[in-house]
Amino acid sequence: MDLLPRLLFVLGVGFFCANVRLLVQFIRFLKIRSSALLTWPGRRPPFYGLLIGMGAILGLIVYYGYALPPSLRIGRGFYEDGIWADGGFIRYQNIGGLTWREGEQITLVMIYRMRAFARRLVVPESCYGAARRLLRDKIATHDIHFTGKSLDLGLHDERDDV
């Protein structure tokens, strides 16, 4: 497990040095290109496709390595306009159904109103009561609205769904 991060670091440093060298050469070319008398394009190096492929793959790995830590700093929970679930943000007006799963973790499952897709939010046990109250208030103010079903006779209190 310890070998892979070291290997990626060494490859990253190697590609960084190669890129710096190429950048220095290109800047030097920009300075002297107006004095060119006879030029032609450079030859492709051996294994050019392999080098491009390795660069693309390492670029994706490095991008993921840089993008993941900031994404973990996003506060999961309830916001003014919606809920930031583990898979992204969902606006209150887009929520068509809610349910709680109580097992090892307390999980709020939100179902989208217009598509068969759900998001989940793991709620810390210490925040469970506050989350239920907040959802009940959002339903009471019709920020989250479940009516409009085919047999809605107005006898059901939506706040009981939470």
Protein backbone atom coordinates (compact mmCIF):
# COMPACT_ATOMS: atom_id res chain seq x y z
CA MET A 1 0.00 0.00 0.00
CA ASP A 2 2.88 2.34 0.72
CA LEU A 3 4.52 1.70 -2.67
CA LEU A 4 1.77 3.15 -4.91
CA PRO A 5 1.81 6.71 -3.46
CA ARG A 6 5.60 6.77 -3.68
CA LEU A 7 5.57 5.50 -7.25
CA LEU A 8 2.99 8.09 -8.27
CA PHE A 9 5.00 10.81 -6.55
CA VAL A 10 8.19 9.81 -8.41
CA LEU A 11 6.31 9.70 -11.73
CA GLY A 12 4.75 13.06 -10.96
CA VAL A 13 8.14 14.64 -10.17
CA GLY A 14 9.60 13.13 -13.35
CA PHE A 15 6.79 14.50 -15.51
CA PHE A 16 7.06 17.87 -13.77
CA CYS A 17 10.79 18.08 -14.54
CA ALA A 18 10.19 17.05 -18.16
CA ASN A 19 7.45 19.67 -18.50
CA VAL A 20 9.64 22.41 -17.03
CA ARG A 21 12.43 21.50 -19.45
CA LEU A 22 10.01 21.59 -22.41
CA LEU A 23 8.56 24.91 -21.23
CA VAL A 24 12.04 26.47 -21.02
CA GLN A 25 12.80 25.25 -24.55
CA PHE A 26 9.51 26.63 -25.87
CA ILE A 27 10.08 30.04 -24.27
CA ARG A 28 13.54 30.15 -25.81
CA PHE A 29 12.00 29.24 -29.21
CA LEU A 30 9.46 32.07 -28.89
CA LYS A 31 12.32 34.53 -28.37
CA ILE A 32 14.31 33.45 -31.45
CA ARG A 33 11.60 32.33 -33.90
CA SER A 34 11.53 35.68 -35.70
CA SER A 35 15.14 35.10 -36.77
CA ALA A 36 14.45 31.69 -38.37
CA LEU A 37 15.92 31.15 -41.83
CA LEU A 38 14.94 27.55 -42.60
CA THR A 39 12.77 25.40 -40.26
CA TRP A 40 10.68 22.22 -40.25
CA PRO A 41 8.55 20.44 -37.64
CA GLY A 42 10.28 18.21 -35.13
CA ARG A 43 10.03 14.41 -35.33
CA ARG A 44 7.74 12.58 -32.99
CA PRO A 45 9.70 10.73 -30.31
CA PRO A 46 9.57 6.95 -30.12
CA PHE A 47 6.49 5.68 -28.25
CA TYR A 48 4.76 9.03 -28.73
CA GLY A 49 1.28 7.51 -28.29
CA LEU A 50 2.36 5.75 -25.11
CA LEU A 51 3.74 9.00 -23.69
CA ILE A 52 0.51 10.85 -24.49
CA GLY A 53 -1.56 8.04 -22.92
CA MET A 54 0.57 7.98 -19.77
CA GLY A 55 0.29 11.73 -19.47
CA ALA A 56 -3.49 11.60 -19.81
CA ILE A 57 -3.88 8.83 -17.23
CA LEU A 58 -1.55 10.49 -14.74
CA GLY A 59 -3.33 13.78 -15.32
CA LEU A 60 -6.64 12.16 -14.39
CA ILE A 61 -5.11 10.54 -11.30
CA VAL A 62 -3.54 13.80 -10.17
CA TYR A 63 -6.77 15.70 -10.86
CA TYR A 64 -8.73 13.24 -8.73
CA GLY A 65 -6.08 13.48 -6.03
CA TYR A 66 -6.48 17.27 -5.95
CA ALA A 67 -10.28 17.33 -6.30
CA LEU A 68 -11.14 14.78 -3.61
CA PRO A 69 -9.85 16.52 -0.44
CA PRO A 70 -11.73 19.81 -1.03
CA SER A 71 -14.92 17.85 -1.77
CA LEU A 72 -14.68 16.26 1.67
CA ARG A 73 -14.81 19.72 3.24
CA ILE A 74 -18.34 20.32 1.90
CA GLY A 75 -20.70 20.33 4.87
CA ARG A 76 -23.35 17.66 4.45
CA GLY A 77 -26.75 18.59 5.82
CA PHE A 78 -29.55 21.11 5.54
CA TYR A 79 -29.28 24.47 3.81
CA GLU A 80 -31.73 27.28 3.12
CA ASP A 81 -32.64 25.99 -0.37
CA GLY A 82 -32.05 22.26 -0.04
CA ILE A 83 -30.11 19.36 1.36
CA TRP A 84 -26.49 18.54 0.60
CA ALA A 85 -26.53 14.74 0.50
CA ASP A 86 -23.57 12.42 0.17
CA GLY A 87 -23.98 12.46 -3.63
CA GLY A 88 -24.69 16.16 -4.15
CA PHE A 89 -27.21 18.94 -3.56
CA ILE A 90 -30.97 18.47 -3.96
CA ARG A 91 -33.40 21.39 -3.73
CA TYR A 92 -36.40 21.03 -1.44
CA GLN A 93 -38.85 21.53 -4.32
CA ASN A 94 -37.25 18.57 -6.16
CA ILE A 95 -37.88 16.14 -3.30
CA GLY A 96 -40.82 13.85 -3.98
CA GLY A 97 -40.38 11.45 -1.09
CA LEU A 98 -38.43 10.94 2.13
CA THR A 99 -37.71 7.94 4.28
CA TRP A 100 -35.41 7.13 7.17
CA ARG A 101 -33.24 4.01 7.36
CA GLU A 102 -32.19 3.25 10.90
CA GLY A 103 -29.48 0.62 11.15
CA GLU A 104 -25.83 0.99 12.00
CA GLN A 105 -26.13 4.50 10.60
CA ILE A 106 -29.14 6.77 10.50
CA THR A 107 -29.71 7.57 6.84
CA LEU A 108 -32.18 9.95 5.23
CA VAL A 109 -33.15 8.77 1.73
CA MET A 110 -34.56 11.44 -0.59
CA ILE A 111 -36.37 10.52 -3.78
CA TYR A 112 -36.49 13.00 -6.65
CA ARG A 113 -39.90 14.25 -7.69
CA MET A 114 -39.53 13.89 -11.48
CA ARG A 115 -37.13 10.99 -11.91
CA ALA A 116 -36.52 7.59 -10.41
CA PHE A 117 -33.38 8.56 -8.59
CA ALA A 118 -32.55 8.84 -4.90
CA ARG A 119 -29.87 10.46 -2.78
CA ARG A 120 -28.87 9.50 0.70
CA LEU A 121 -27.57 11.48 3.65
CA VAL A 122 -25.98 9.83 6.65
CA VAL A 123 -27.12 11.85 9.68
CA PRO A 124 -25.05 11.76 12.89
CA GLU A 125 -27.04 10.39 15.80
CA SER A 126 -26.56 13.65 17.71
CA CYS A 127 -28.30 15.58 14.88
CA TYR A 128 -31.15 13.11 14.27
CA GLY A 129 -33.81 14.90 16.35
CA ALA A 130 -32.92 18.32 14.93
CA ALA A 131 -32.98 16.92 11.37
CA ARG A 132 -36.46 15.45 11.89
CA ARG A 133 -37.74 18.78 13.33
CA LEU A 134 -36.21 20.74 10.46
CA LEU A 135 -37.80 18.45 7.87
CA ARG A 136 -41.14 18.70 9.65
CA ASP A 137 -40.90 22.51 9.54
CA LYS A 138 -39.95 22.47 5.83
CA ILE A 139 -42.96 20.28 5.09
CA ALA A 140 -45.23 22.56 7.17
CA THR A 141 -44.09 25.62 5.19
CA HIS A 142 -44.56 23.63 1.93
CA ASP A 143 -40.88 23.86 0.97
CA ILE A 144 -41.15 20.07 0.68
CA HIS A 145 -44.48 19.14 -0.79
CA PHE A 146 -45.82 15.59 -1.22
CA THR A 147 -49.42 16.25 -2.35
CA GLY A 148 -50.61 15.88 -5.88
CA LYS A 149 -50.84 12.09 -5.73
CA SER A 150 -53.76 10.48 -7.50
CA LEU A 151 -55.93 9.79 -4.42
CA ASP A 152 -55.09 12.80 -2.25
CA LEU A 153 -58.31 13.65 -0.37
CA GLY A 154 -56.72 16.24 1.91
CA LEU A 155 -57.06 14.02 4.99
CA HIS A 156 -53.37 13.26 5.30
CA ASP A 157 -50.98 15.52 7.24
CA GLU A 158 -47.69 15.52 5.27
CA ARG A 159 -45.68 16.35 8.40
CA ASP A 160 -46.40 12.84 9.68
CA ASP A 161 -44.44 11.42 6.73
CA VAL A 162 -41.20 12.46 8.36
